[in-house]
Amino acid sequence: AQLLGETDPQAVTEQVLEHLEGAAEKLREIFGRVDASVMQQTRVTLRQSDPRLQPEFIEALGEETYEALADQPLENLDAEQREIVESVLGWWRQNEIYRSLLLSVISELWVDYLTRVEALRVSIGLEAYAQRDPLVQYKSRASELFGELLVEVRTAVIGRMFNMRPRAAQPAQGSAQPAQANLPSPAAVAQPAAASGGAAGNSSGKKKHRKR
Protein backbone atom coordinates (compact mmCIF):
# COMPACT_ATOMS: atom_id res chain seq x y z
CA ALA A 1 0.00 0.00 0.00
CA GLN A 2 2.88 2.39 0.78
CA LEU A 3 4.53 1.64 -2.55
CA LEU A 4 1.28 2.27 -4.41
CA GLY A 5 0.74 5.48 -2.46
CA GLU A 6 4.06 6.81 -3.67
CA THR A 7 3.52 5.72 -7.29
CA ASP A 8 1.93 7.82 -9.97
CA PRO A 9 -1.62 6.52 -10.73
CA GLN A 10 -0.90 6.49 -14.45
CA ALA A 11 2.15 4.31 -13.87
CA VAL A 12 0.08 1.86 -11.82
CA THR A 13 -2.54 1.76 -14.56
CA GLU A 14 0.09 0.99 -17.18
CA GLN A 15 1.60 -1.76 -15.02
CA VAL A 16 -1.80 -3.38 -14.49
CA LEU A 17 -2.64 -3.20 -18.19
CA GLU A 18 0.74 -4.67 -19.11
CA HIS A 19 0.19 -7.52 -16.65
CA LEU A 20 -3.30 -8.28 -17.98
CA GLU A 21 -2.14 -8.16 -21.59
CA GLY A 22 0.65 -10.59 -20.72
CA ALA A 23 -1.83 -12.91 -19.01
CA ALA A 24 -4.15 -12.80 -22.03
CA GLU A 25 -1.23 -13.62 -24.32
CA LYS A 26 -0.25 -16.62 -22.19
CA LEU A 27 -3.84 -17.87 -22.20
CA ARG A 28 -3.89 -17.51 -25.99
CA GLU A 29 -0.76 -19.65 -26.24
CA ILE A 30 -2.32 -22.31 -24.00
CA PHE A 31 -5.56 -22.35 -26.00
CA GLY A 32 -3.52 -22.84 -29.17
CA ARG A 33 -1.58 -25.75 -27.70
CA VAL A 34 -4.77 -27.41 -26.49
CA ASP A 35 -6.50 -27.10 -29.87
CA ALA A 36 -3.39 -28.32 -31.68
CA SER A 37 -3.23 -31.29 -29.33
CA VAL A 38 -6.90 -32.08 -30.03
CA MET A 39 -6.29 -31.89 -33.78
CA GLN A 40 -3.28 -34.18 -33.49
CA GLN A 41 -5.08 -36.75 -31.32
CA THR A 42 -8.13 -36.86 -33.59
CA ARG A 43 -5.99 -36.84 -36.77
CA VAL A 44 -7.58 -33.64 -38.10
CA THR A 45 -5.46 -31.91 -40.73
CA LEU A 46 -5.33 -28.19 -41.43
CA ARG A 47 -7.63 -28.61 -44.42
CA GLN A 48 -10.17 -30.50 -42.31
CA SER A 49 -10.30 -27.83 -39.61
CA ASP A 50 -12.96 -25.14 -39.38
CA PRO A 51 -13.39 -23.42 -42.78
CA ARG A 52 -13.13 -20.04 -41.07
CA LEU A 53 -9.55 -20.89 -40.15
CA GLN A 54 -8.37 -21.63 -43.69
CA PRO A 55 -7.67 -17.98 -44.69
CA GLU A 56 -5.83 -17.45 -41.39
CA PHE A 57 -3.61 -20.50 -41.94
CA ILE A 58 -2.87 -19.41 -45.51
CA GLU A 59 -1.96 -15.90 -44.42
CA ALA A 60 0.21 -17.08 -41.52
CA LEU A 61 2.00 -19.93 -43.31
CA GLY A 62 1.97 -18.65 -46.87
CA GLU A 63 -0.12 -20.23 -49.61
CA GLU A 64 2.65 -22.51 -50.89
CA THR A 65 3.55 -23.82 -47.42
CA TYR A 66 -0.12 -24.24 -46.51
CA GLU A 67 -0.81 -26.38 -49.59
CA ALA A 68 2.21 -28.54 -48.77
CA LEU A 69 1.05 -29.10 -45.18
CA ALA A 70 -2.74 -28.93 -45.47
CA ASP A 71 -3.30 -32.68 -45.73
CA GLN A 72 -0.53 -33.82 -43.40
CA PRO A 73 -1.00 -34.71 -39.72
CA LEU A 74 0.24 -32.10 -37.29
CA GLU A 75 3.09 -34.29 -36.03
CA ASN A 76 4.75 -33.89 -39.44
CA LEU A 77 5.13 -30.13 -38.95
CA ASP A 78 8.46 -28.76 -37.79
CA ALA A 79 8.74 -26.63 -34.63
CA GLU A 80 8.34 -23.30 -36.43
CA GLN A 81 5.33 -24.44 -38.44
CA ARG A 82 3.75 -25.95 -35.35
CA GLU A 83 4.21 -22.66 -33.48
CA ILE A 84 2.48 -20.73 -36.28
CA VAL A 85 -0.45 -23.15 -36.32
CA GLU A 86 -0.80 -22.96 -32.54
CA SER A 87 -0.72 -19.15 -32.74
CA VAL A 88 -3.58 -19.10 -35.25
CA LEU A 89 -5.59 -21.64 -33.27
CA GLY A 90 -5.05 -19.77 -30.01
CA TRP A 91 -6.07 -16.43 -31.52
CA TRP A 92 -9.22 -17.91 -33.04
CA ARG A 93 -10.20 -19.86 -29.92
CA GLN A 94 -9.66 -16.89 -27.62
CA ASN A 95 -11.82 -14.67 -29.84
CA GLU A 96 -14.59 -17.27 -29.87
CA ILE A 97 -14.45 -17.63 -26.08
CA TYR A 98 -14.46 -13.88 -25.47
CA ARG A 99 -17.33 -13.37 -27.91
CA SER A 100 -19.39 -16.03 -26.19
CA LEU A 101 -18.47 -14.63 -22.77
CA LEU A 102 -19.43 -11.09 -23.77
CA LEU A 103 -22.81 -12.18 -25.11
CA SER A 104 -23.61 -14.20 -22.00
CA VAL A 105 -22.64 -11.35 -19.65
CA ILE A 106 -24.69 -8.80 -21.60
CA SER A 107 -27.72 -11.11 -21.66
CA GLU A 108 -27.44 -11.71 -17.93
CA LEU A 109 -26.98 -8.09 -16.88
CA TRP A 110 -29.43 -6.67 -19.42
CA VAL A 111 -32.31 -8.47 -17.73
CA ASP A 112 -31.30 -7.00 -14.36
CA TYR A 113 -31.01 -3.54 -15.95
CA LEU A 114 -34.53 -3.77 -17.41
CA THR A 115 -35.85 -4.84 -14.01
CA ARG A 116 -34.30 -1.80 -12.35
CA VAL A 117 -35.60 0.53 -15.05
CA GLU A 118 -39.10 -0.87 -14.60
CA ALA A 119 -38.88 -0.34 -10.83
CA LEU A 120 -37.73 3.22 -11.51
CA ARG A 121 -40.65 3.83 -13.84
CA VAL A 122 -43.11 2.65 -11.19
CA SER A 123 -41.62 4.78 -8.40
CA ILE A 124 -40.66 7.92 -10.30
CA GLY A 125 -44.05 9.55 -9.68
CA LEU A 126 -43.02 10.11 -6.06
CA GLU A 127 -40.60 12.79 -7.27
CA ALA A 128 -43.59 15.10 -7.77
CA TYR A 129 -44.05 15.23 -3.99
CA ALA A 130 -40.57 16.76 -3.75
CA GLN A 131 -41.58 19.35 -6.37
CA ARG A 132 -39.23 17.84 -8.97
CA ASP A 133 -40.21 17.06 -12.55
CA PRO A 134 -40.65 13.23 -12.71
CA LEU A 135 -39.74 13.14 -16.42
CA VAL A 136 -36.45 14.97 -15.88
CA GLN A 137 -35.61 12.81 -12.89
CA TYR A 138 -36.49 9.64 -14.82
CA LYS A 139 -34.19 10.55 -17.71
CA SER A 140 -31.35 11.42 -15.34
CA ARG A 141 -31.69 8.27 -13.25
CA ALA A 142 -32.14 6.02 -16.31
CA SER A 143 -28.94 7.45 -17.79
CA GLU A 144 -27.12 6.68 -14.54
CA LEU A 145 -28.44 3.12 -14.57
CA PHE A 146 -27.23 2.62 -18.14
CA GLY A 147 -23.79 3.91 -17.19
CA GLU A 148 -23.74 1.48 -14.28
CA LEU A 149 -24.71 -1.31 -16.69
CA LEU A 150 -21.71 -0.58 -18.93
CA VAL A 151 -19.36 -0.61 -15.94
CA GLU A 152 -20.84 -3.89 -14.70
CA VAL A 153 -20.47 -5.49 -18.15
CA ARG A 154 -16.81 -4.48 -18.39
CA THR A 155 -16.11 -5.65 -14.83
CA ALA A 156 -17.86 -9.00 -15.30
CA VAL A 157 -16.20 -9.74 -18.65
CA ILE A 158 -12.70 -8.89 -17.42
CA GLY A 159 -13.27 -10.77 -14.18
CA ARG A 160 -14.35 -13.93 -15.98
CA MET A 161 -12.07 -13.90 -19.00
CA PHE A 162 -8.98 -14.50 -16.85
CA ASN A 163 -10.66 -17.39 -15.02
CA MET A 164 -11.07 -19.51 -18.14
CA ARG A 165 -9.10 -22.75 -18.17
CA PRO A 166 -8.51 -24.95 -21.25
CA ARG A 167 -9.70 -28.52 -21.16
CA ALA A 168 -8.63 -30.89 -23.91
CA ALA A 169 -11.26 -33.29 -25.21
CA GLN A 170 -10.29 -36.93 -24.71
CA PRO A 171 -10.63 -39.03 -27.89
CA ALA A 172 -12.15 -42.48 -27.61
CA GLN A 173 -9.73 -45.41 -27.61
CA GLY A 174 -9.29 -47.34 -30.81
CA SER A 175 -10.32 -44.50 -33.12
CA ALA A 176 -8.85 -44.77 -36.59
CA GLN A 177 -10.41 -41.74 -38.28
CA PRO A 178 -10.75 -38.06 -37.31
CA ALA A 179 -13.61 -37.59 -34.87
CA GLN A 180 -14.86 -34.54 -36.73
CA ALA A 181 -13.49 -31.96 -39.09
CA ASN A 182 -14.24 -28.97 -36.91
CA LEU A 183 -12.56 -28.27 -33.61
CA PRO A 184 -14.63 -28.51 -30.42
CA SER A 185 -16.80 -25.58 -29.49
CA PRO A 186 -15.32 -22.94 -27.16
CA ALA A 187 -17.31 -24.34 -24.24
CA ALA A 188 -15.69 -27.72 -24.77
CA VAL A 189 -12.17 -26.35 -24.66
CA ALA A 190 -12.38 -23.65 -22.01
CA GLN A 191 -14.34 -23.45 -18.80
CA PRO A 192 -14.37 -21.19 -15.74
CA ALA A 193 -11.88 -22.27 -13.11
CA ALA A 194 -14.65 -22.63 -10.54
CA ALA A 195 -16.72 -25.00 -12.68
CA SER A 196 -16.99 -28.57 -11.50
CA GLY A 197 -15.30 -31.34 -13.41
CA GLY A 198 -18.53 -33.25 -13.91
CA ALA A 199 -20.32 -30.35 -15.54
CA ALA A 200 -17.35 -29.69 -17.79
CA GLY A 201 -17.19 -33.30 -18.87
CA ASN A 202 -20.71 -33.12 -20.28
CA SER A 203 -19.86 -30.24 -22.61
CA SER A 204 -17.75 -32.16 -25.12
CA GLY A 205 -19.59 -33.23 -28.25
CA LYS A 206 -20.20 -36.85 -29.23
CA LYS A 207 -17.71 -38.26 -31.72
CA LYS A 208 -18.22 -40.96 -34.29
CA HIS A 209 -15.43 -43.41 -34.96
CA ARG A 210 -14.99 -46.14 -37.56
CA LYS A 211 -14.54 -49.62 -36.17
CA ARG A 212 -11.26 -51.30 -36.95
C-alpha atoms as a PDB file:
ATOM      1  CA  ALA A   1       0.000   0.000   0.000  1.00  0.00           C
ATOM      2  CA  GLN A   2       2.882   2.394   0.776  1.00  0.00           C
ATOM      3  CA  LEU A   3       4.534   1.637  -2.552  1.00  0.00           C
ATOM      4  CA  LEU A   4       1.281   2.275  -4.405  1.00  0.00           C
ATOM      5  CA  GLY A   5       0.742   5.476  -2.460  1.00  0.00           C
ATOM      6  CA  GLU A   6       4.063   6.815  -3.674  1.00  0.00           C
ATOM      7  CA  THR A   7       3.519   5.717  -7.291  1.00  0.00           C
ATOM      8  CA  ASP A   8       1.929   7.825  -9.972  1.00  0.00           C
ATOM      9  CA  PRO A   9      -1.620   6.516 -10.729  1.00  0.00           C
ATOM     10  CA  GLN A  10      -0.898   6.495 -14.450  1.00  0.00           C
ATOM     11  CA  ALA A  11       2.155   4.311 -13.869  1.00  0.00           C
ATOM     12  CA  VAL A  12       0.076   1.860 -11.818  1.00  0.00           C
ATOM     13  CA  THR A  13      -2.544   1.760 -14.561  1.00  0.00           C
ATOM     14  CA  GLU A  14       0.094   0.988 -17.181  1.00  0.00           C
ATOM     15  CA  GLN A  15       1.596  -1.761 -15.016  1.00  0.00           C
ATOM     16  CA  VAL A  16      -1.801  -3.382 -14.488  1.00  0.00           C
ATOM     17  CA  LEU A  17      -2.637  -3.199 -18.194  1.00  0.00           C
ATOM     18  CA  GLU A  18       0.744  -4.674 -19.108  1.00  0.00           C
ATOM     19  CA  HIS A  19       0.188  -7.520 -16.647  1.00  0.00           C
ATOM     20  CA  LEU A  20      -3.303  -8.276 -17.979  1.00  0.00           C
ATOM     21  CA  GLU A  21      -2.141  -8.159 -21.593  1.00  0.00           C
ATOM     22  CA  GLY A  22       0.649 -10.585 -20.716  1.00  0.00           C
ATOM     23  CA  ALA A  23      -1.833 -12.906 -19.012  1.00  0.00           C
ATOM     24  CA  ALA A  24      -4.147 -12.799 -22.031  1.00  0.00           C
ATOM     25  CA  GLU A  25      -1.230 -13.615 -24.325  1.00  0.00           C
ATOM     26  CA  LYS A  26      -0.253 -16.618 -22.189  1.00  0.00           C
ATOM     27  CA  LEU A  27      -3.838 -17.871 -22.203  1.00  0.00           C
ATOM     28  CA  ARG A  28      -3.893 -17.507 -25.989  1.00  0.00           C
ATOM     29  CA  GLU A  29      -0.762 -19.651 -26.235  1.00  0.00           C
ATOM     30  CA  ILE A  30      -2.320 -22.308 -23.998  1.00  0.00           C
ATOM     31  CA  PHE A  31      -5.564 -22.348 -25.995  1.00  0.00           C
ATOM     32  CA  GLY A  32      -3.523 -22.835 -29.168  1.00  0.00           C
ATOM     33  CA  ARG A  33      -1.577 -25.751 -27.700  1.00  0.00           C
ATOM     34  CA  VAL A  34      -4.767 -27.411 -26.488  1.00  0.00           C
ATOM     35  CA  ASP A  35      -6.503 -27.097 -29.866  1.00  0.00           C
ATOM     36  CA  ALA A  36      -3.389 -28.317 -31.678  1.00  0.00           C
ATOM     37  CA  SER A  37      -3.232 -31.294 -29.332  1.00  0.00           C
ATOM     38  CA  VAL A  38      -6.897 -32.084 -30.028  1.00  0.00           C
ATOM     39  CA  MET A  39      -6.295 -31.892 -33.782  1.00  0.00           C
ATOM     40  CA  GLN A  40      -3.279 -34.185 -33.488  1.00  0.00           C
ATOM     41  CA  GLN A  41      -5.076 -36.745 -31.320  1.00  0.00           C
ATOM     42  CA  THR A  42      -8.126 -36.855 -33.594  1.00  0.00           C
ATOM     43  CA  ARG A  43      -5.989 -36.836 -36.771  1.00  0.00           C
ATOM     44  CA  VAL A  44      -7.575 -33.644 -38.098  1.00  0.00           C
ATOM     45  CA  THR A  45      -5.458 -31.908 -40.728  1.00  0.00           C
ATOM     46  CA  LEU A  46      -5.327 -28.187 -41.428  1.00  0.00           C
ATOM     47  CA  ARG A  47      -7.634 -28.607 -44.423  1.00  0.00           C
ATOM     48  CA  GLN A  48     -10.172 -30.497 -42.314  1.00  0.00           C
ATOM     49  CA  SER A  49     -10.304 -27.827 -39.607  1.00  0.00           C
ATOM     50  CA  ASP A  50     -12.965 -25.138 -39.378  1.00  0.00           C
ATOM     51  CA  PRO A  51     -13.387 -23.424 -42.782  1.00  0.00           C
ATOM     52  CA  ARG A  52     -13.131 -20.045 -41.073  1.00  0.00           C
ATOM     53  CA  LEU A  53      -9.553 -20.890 -40.146  1.00  0.00           C
ATOM     54  CA  GLN A  54      -8.374 -21.626 -43.694  1.00  0.00           C
ATOM     55  CA  PRO A  55      -7.671 -17.983 -44.691  1.00  0.00           C
ATOM     56  CA  GLU A  56      -5.830 -17.450 -41.395  1.00  0.00           C
ATOM     57  CA  PHE A  57      -3.612 -20.496 -41.938  1.00  0.00           C
ATOM     58  CA  ILE A  58      -2.872 -19.410 -45.511  1.00  0.00           C
ATOM     59  CA  GLU A  59      -1.962 -15.897 -44.416  1.00  0.00           C
ATOM     60  CA  ALA A  60       0.213 -17.077 -41.519  1.00  0.00           C
ATOM     61  CA  LEU A  61       1.996 -19.928 -43.314  1.00  0.00           C
ATOM     62  CA  GLY A  62       1.971 -18.648 -46.873  1.00  0.00           C
ATOM     63  CA  GLU A  63      -0.116 -20.227 -49.610  1.00  0.00           C
ATOM     64  CA  GLU A  64       2.645 -22.511 -50.886  1.00  0.00           C
ATOM     65  CA  THR A  65       3.549 -23.824 -47.422  1.00  0.00           C
ATOM     66  CA  TYR A  66      -0.116 -24.242 -46.513  1.00  0.00           C
ATOM     67  CA  GLU A  67      -0.811 -26.378 -49.591  1.00  0.00           C
ATOM     68  CA  ALA A  68       2.206 -28.540 -48.771  1.00  0.00           C
ATOM     69  CA  LEU A  69       1.047 -29.095 -45.177  1.00  0.00           C
ATOM     70  CA  ALA A  70      -2.737 -28.925 -45.468  1.00  0.00           C
ATOM     71  CA  ASP A  71      -3.301 -32.682 -45.733  1.00  0.00           C
ATOM     72  CA  GLN A  72      -0.531 -33.816 -43.404  1.00  0.00           C
ATOM     73  CA  PRO A  73      -1.003 -34.709 -39.718  1.00  0.00           C
ATOM     74  CA  LEU A  74       0.238 -32.100 -37.291  1.00  0.00           C
ATOM     75  CA  GLU A  75       3.086 -34.293 -36.031  1.00  0.00           C
ATOM     76  CA  ASN A  76       4.748 -33.886 -39.444  1.00  0.00           C
ATOM     77  CA  LEU A  77       5.130 -30.134 -38.952  1.00  0.00           C
ATOM     78  CA  ASP A  78       8.464 -28.756 -37.786  1.00  0.00           C
ATOM     79  CA  ALA A  79       8.745 -26.634 -34.633  1.00  0.00           C
ATOM     80  CA  GLU A  80       8.342 -23.296 -36.431  1.00  0.00           C
ATOM     81  CA  GLN A  81       5.330 -24.438 -38.441  1.00  0.00           C
ATOM     82  CA  ARG A  82       3.753 -25.947 -35.346  1.00  0.00           C
ATOM     83  CA  GLU A  83       4.210 -22.660 -33.481  1.00  0.00           C
ATOM     84  CA  ILE A  84       2.475 -20.731 -36.285  1.00  0.00           C
ATOM     85  CA  VAL A  85      -0.449 -23.153 -36.323  1.00  0.00           C
ATOM     86  CA  GLU A  86      -0.804 -22.957 -32.537  1.00  0.00           C
ATOM     87  CA  SER A  87      -0.717 -19.154 -32.743  1.00  0.00           C
ATOM     88  CA  VAL A  88      -3.584 -19.098 -35.254  1.00  0.00           C
ATOM     89  CA  LEU A  89      -5.591 -21.644 -33.268  1.00  0.00           C
ATOM     90  CA  GLY A  90      -5.055 -19.765 -30.015  1.00  0.00           C
ATOM     91  CA  TRP A  91      -6.066 -16.435 -31.521  1.00  0.00           C
ATOM     92  CA  TRP A  92      -9.217 -17.910 -33.043  1.00  0.00           C
ATOM     93  CA  ARG A  93     -10.199 -19.857 -29.920  1.00  0.00           C
ATOM     94  CA  GLN A  94      -9.665 -16.891 -27.619  1.00  0.00           C
ATOM     95  CA  ASN A  95     -11.818 -14.672 -29.839  1.00  0.00           C
ATOM     96  CA  GLU A  96     -14.586 -17.271 -29.866  1.00  0.00           C
ATOM     97  CA  ILE A  97     -14.450 -17.631 -26.082  1.00  0.00           C
ATOM     98  CA  TYR A  98     -14.462 -13.881 -25.471  1.00  0.00           C
ATOM     99  CA  ARG A  99     -17.329 -13.365 -27.912  1.00  0.00           C
ATOM    100  CA  SER A 100     -19.393 -16.034 -26.185  1.00  0.00           C
ATOM    101  CA  LEU A 101     -18.474 -14.630 -22.774  1.00  0.00           C
ATOM    102  CA  LEU A 102     -19.426 -11.089 -23.770  1.00  0.00           C
ATOM    103  CA  LEU A 103     -22.810 -12.176 -25.113  1.00  0.00           C
ATOM    104  CA  SER A 104     -23.608 -14.200 -21.997  1.00  0.00           C
ATOM    105  CA  VAL A 105     -22.645 -11.352 -19.651  1.00  0.00           C
ATOM    106  CA  ILE A 106     -24.685  -8.804 -21.602  1.00  0.00           C
ATOM    107  CA  SER A 107     -27.716 -11.114 -21.662  1.00  0.00           C
ATOM    108  CA  GLU A 108     -27.438 -11.712 -17.926  1.00  0.00           C
ATOM    109  CA  LEU A 109     -26.981  -8.087 -16.880  1.00  0.00           C
ATOM    110  CA  TRP A 110     -29.426  -6.666 -19.420  1.00  0.00           C
ATOM    111  CA  VAL A 111     -32.306  -8.471 -17.729  1.00  0.00           C
ATOM    112  CA  ASP A 112     -31.299  -7.000 -14.365  1.00  0.00           C
ATOM    113  CA  TYR A 113     -31.013  -3.544 -15.952  1.00  0.00           C
ATOM    114  CA  LEU A 114     -34.526  -3.774 -17.408  1.00  0.00           C
ATOM    115  CA  THR A 115     -35.854  -4.842 -14.005  1.00  0.00           C
ATOM    116  CA  ARG A 116     -34.299  -1.800 -12.346  1.00  0.00           C
ATOM    117  CA  VAL A 117     -35.599   0.531 -15.053  1.00  0.00           C
ATOM    118  CA  GLU A 118     -39.103  -0.872 -14.603  1.00  0.00           C
ATOM    119  CA  ALA A 119     -38.876  -0.343 -10.831  1.00  0.00           C
ATOM    120  CA  LEU A 120     -37.728   3.221 -11.506  1.00  0.00           C
ATOM    121  CA  ARG A 121     -40.648   3.827 -13.841  1.00  0.00           C
ATOM    122  CA  VAL A 122     -43.105   2.654 -11.186  1.00  0.00           C
ATOM    123  CA  SER A 123     -41.617   4.779  -8.403  1.00  0.00           C
ATOM    124  CA  ILE A 124     -40.657   7.920 -10.297  1.00  0.00           C
ATOM    125  CA  GLY A 125     -44.046   9.546  -9.682  1.00  0.00           C
ATOM    126  CA  LEU A 126     -43.022  10.113  -6.064  1.00  0.00           C
ATOM    127  CA  GLU A 127     -40.598  12.795  -7.270  1.00  0.00           C
ATOM    128  CA  ALA A 128     -43.591  15.099  -7.769  1.00  0.00           C
ATOM    129  CA  TYR A 129     -44.049  15.230  -3.992  1.00  0.00           C
ATOM    130  CA  ALA A 130     -40.574  16.757  -3.747  1.00  0.00           C
ATOM    131  CA  GLN A 131     -41.578  19.348  -6.371  1.00  0.00           C
ATOM    132  CA  ARG A 132     -39.225  17.839  -8.970  1.00  0.00           C
ATOM    133  CA  ASP A 133     -40.210  17.057 -12.551  1.00  0.00           C
ATOM    134  CA  PRO A 134     -40.654  13.230 -12.709  1.00  0.00           C
ATOM    135  CA  LEU A 135     -39.737  13.136 -16.422  1.00  0.00           C
ATOM    136  CA  VAL A 136     -36.451  14.971 -15.878  1.00  0.00           C
ATOM    137  CA  GLN A 137     -35.607  12.810 -12.887  1.00  0.00           C
ATOM    138  CA  TYR A 138     -36.487   9.645 -14.815  1.00  0.00           C
ATOM    139  CA  LYS A 139     -34.190  10.554 -17.710  1.00  0.00           C
ATOM    140  CA  SER A 140     -31.349  11.424 -15.337  1.00  0.00           C
ATOM    141  CA  ARG A 141     -31.688   8.272 -13.251  1.00  0.00           C
ATOM    142  CA  ALA A 142     -32.143   6.017 -16.313  1.00  0.00           C
ATOM    143  CA  SER A 143     -28.943   7.453 -17.789  1.00  0.00           C
ATOM    144  CA  GLU A 144     -27.120   6.682 -14.544  1.00  0.00           C
ATOM    145  CA  LEU A 145     -28.444   3.115 -14.573  1.00  0.00           C
ATOM    146  CA  PHE A 146     -27.232   2.616 -18.137  1.00  0.00           C
ATOM    147  CA  GLY A 147     -23.786   3.912 -17.192  1.00  0.00           C
ATOM    148  CA  GLU A 148     -23.739   1.479 -14.282  1.00  0.00           C
ATOM    149  CA  LEU A 149     -24.706  -1.308 -16.692  1.00  0.00           C
ATOM    150  CA  LEU A 150     -21.713  -0.577 -18.925  1.00  0.00           C
ATOM    151  CA  VAL A 151     -19.359  -0.610 -15.939  1.00  0.00           C
ATOM    152  CA  GLU A 152     -20.842  -3.893 -14.701  1.00  0.00           C
ATOM    153  CA  VAL A 153     -20.474  -5.485 -18.151  1.00  0.00           C
ATOM    154  CA  ARG A 154     -16.811  -4.479 -18.390  1.00  0.00           C
ATOM    155  CA  THR A 155     -16.106  -5.654 -14.832  1.00  0.00           C
ATOM    156  CA  ALA A 156     -17.861  -8.997 -15.299  1.00  0.00           C
ATOM    157  CA  VAL A 157     -16.199  -9.736 -18.654  1.00  0.00           C
ATOM    158  CA  ILE A 158     -12.702  -8.890 -17.419  1.00  0.00           C
ATOM    159  CA  GLY A 159     -13.273 -10.773 -14.183  1.00  0.00           C
ATOM    160  CA  ARG A 160     -14.352 -13.929 -15.983  1.00  0.00           C
ATOM    161  CA  MET A 161     -12.068 -13.900 -19.000  1.00  0.00           C
ATOM    162  CA  PHE A 162      -8.984 -14.503 -16.852  1.00  0.00           C
ATOM    163  CA  ASN A 163     -10.664 -17.393 -15.016  1.00  0.00           C
ATOM    164  CA  MET A 164     -11.067 -19.507 -18.145  1.00  0.00           C
ATOM    165  CA  ARG A 165      -9.100 -22.754 -18.166  1.00  0.00           C
ATOM    166  CA  PRO A 166      -8.508 -24.947 -21.246  1.00  0.00           C
ATOM    167  CA  ARG A 167      -9.704 -28.519 -21.157  1.00  0.00           C
ATOM    168  CA  ALA A 168      -8.628 -30.886 -23.914  1.00  0.00           C
ATOM    169  CA  ALA A 169     -11.262 -33.293 -25.210  1.00  0.00           C
ATOM    170  CA  GLN A 170     -10.293 -36.934 -24.709  1.00  0.00           C
ATOM    171  CA  PRO A 171     -10.627 -39.026 -27.889  1.00  0.00           C
ATOM    172  CA  ALA A 172     -12.151 -42.477 -27.610  1.00  0.00           C
ATOM    173  CA  GLN A 173      -9.734 -45.409 -27.615  1.00  0.00           C
ATOM    174  CA  GLY A 174      -9.287 -47.341 -30.809  1.00  0.00           C
ATOM    175  CA  SER A 175     -10.316 -44.504 -33.116  1.00  0.00           C
ATOM    176  CA  ALA A 176      -8.849 -44.767 -36.592  1.00  0.00           C
ATOM    177  CA  GLN A 177     -10.405 -41.741 -38.279  1.00  0.00           C
ATOM    178  CA  PRO A 178     -10.750 -38.064 -37.312  1.00  0.00           C
ATOM    179  CA  ALA A 179     -13.606 -37.591 -34.867  1.00  0.00           C
ATOM    180  CA  GLN A 180     -14.861 -34.541 -36.727  1.00  0.00           C
ATOM    181  CA  ALA A 181     -13.490 -31.964 -39.094  1.00  0.00           C
ATOM    182  CA  ASN A 182     -14.244 -28.973 -36.914  1.00  0.00           C
ATOM    183  CA  LEU A 183     -12.556 -28.268 -33.608  1.00  0.00           C
ATOM    184  CA  PRO A 184     -14.634 -28.506 -30.416  1.00  0.00           C
ATOM    185  CA  SER A 185     -16.805 -25.576 -29.494  1.00  0.00           C
ATOM    186  CA  PRO A 186     -15.316 -22.935 -27.159  1.00  0.00           C
ATOM    187  CA  ALA A 187     -17.307 -24.337 -24.238  1.00  0.00           C
ATOM    188  CA  ALA A 188     -15.689 -27.722 -24.773  1.00  0.00           C
ATOM    189  CA  VAL A 189     -12.173 -26.348 -24.660  1.00  0.00           C
ATOM    190  CA  ALA A 190     -12.380 -23.652 -22.009  1.00  0.00           C
ATOM    191  CA  GLN A 191     -14.339 -23.452 -18.804  1.00  0.00           C
ATOM    192  CA  PRO A 192     -14.373 -21.185 -15.741  1.00  0.00           C
ATOM    193  CA  ALA A 193     -11.878 -22.266 -13.109  1.00  0.00           C
ATOM    194  CA  ALA A 194     -14.651 -22.627 -10.541  1.00  0.00           C
ATOM    195  CA  ALA A 195     -16.720 -24.996 -12.678  1.00  0.00           C
ATOM    196  CA  SER A 196     -16.991 -28.573 -11.496  1.00  0.00           C
ATOM    197  CA  GLY A 197     -15.299 -31.337 -13.413  1.00  0.00           C
ATOM    198  CA  GLY A 198     -18.534 -33.247 -13.908  1.00  0.00           C
ATOM    199  CA  ALA A 199     -20.323 -30.353 -15.537  1.00  0.00           C
ATOM    200  CA  ALA A 200     -17.353 -29.689 -17.791  1.00  0.00           C
ATOM    201  CA  GLY A 201     -17.190 -33.299 -18.872  1.00  0.00           C
ATOM    202  CA  ASN A 202     -20.709 -33.119 -20.283  1.00  0.00           C
ATOM    203  CA  SER A 203     -19.856 -30.237 -22.607  1.00  0.00           C
ATOM    204  CA  SER A 204     -17.747 -32.162 -25.123  1.00  0.00           C
ATOM    205  CA  GLY A 205     -19.593 -33.235 -28.247  1.00  0.00           C
ATOM    206  CA  LYS A 206     -20.198 -36.848 -29.225  1.00  0.00           C
ATOM    207  CA  LYS A 207     -17.710 -38.256 -31.723  1.00  0.00           C
ATOM    208  CA  LYS A 208     -18.224 -40.961 -34.293  1.00  0.00           C
ATOM    209  CA  HIS A 209     -15.426 -43.412 -34.964  1.00  0.00           C
ATOM    210  CA  ARG A 210     -14.992 -46.141 -37.560  1.00  0.00           C
ATOM    211  CA  LYS A 211     -14.538 -49.619 -36.166  1.00  0.00           C
ATOM    212  CA  ARG A 212     -11.257 -51.301 -36.948  1.00  0.00           C
END
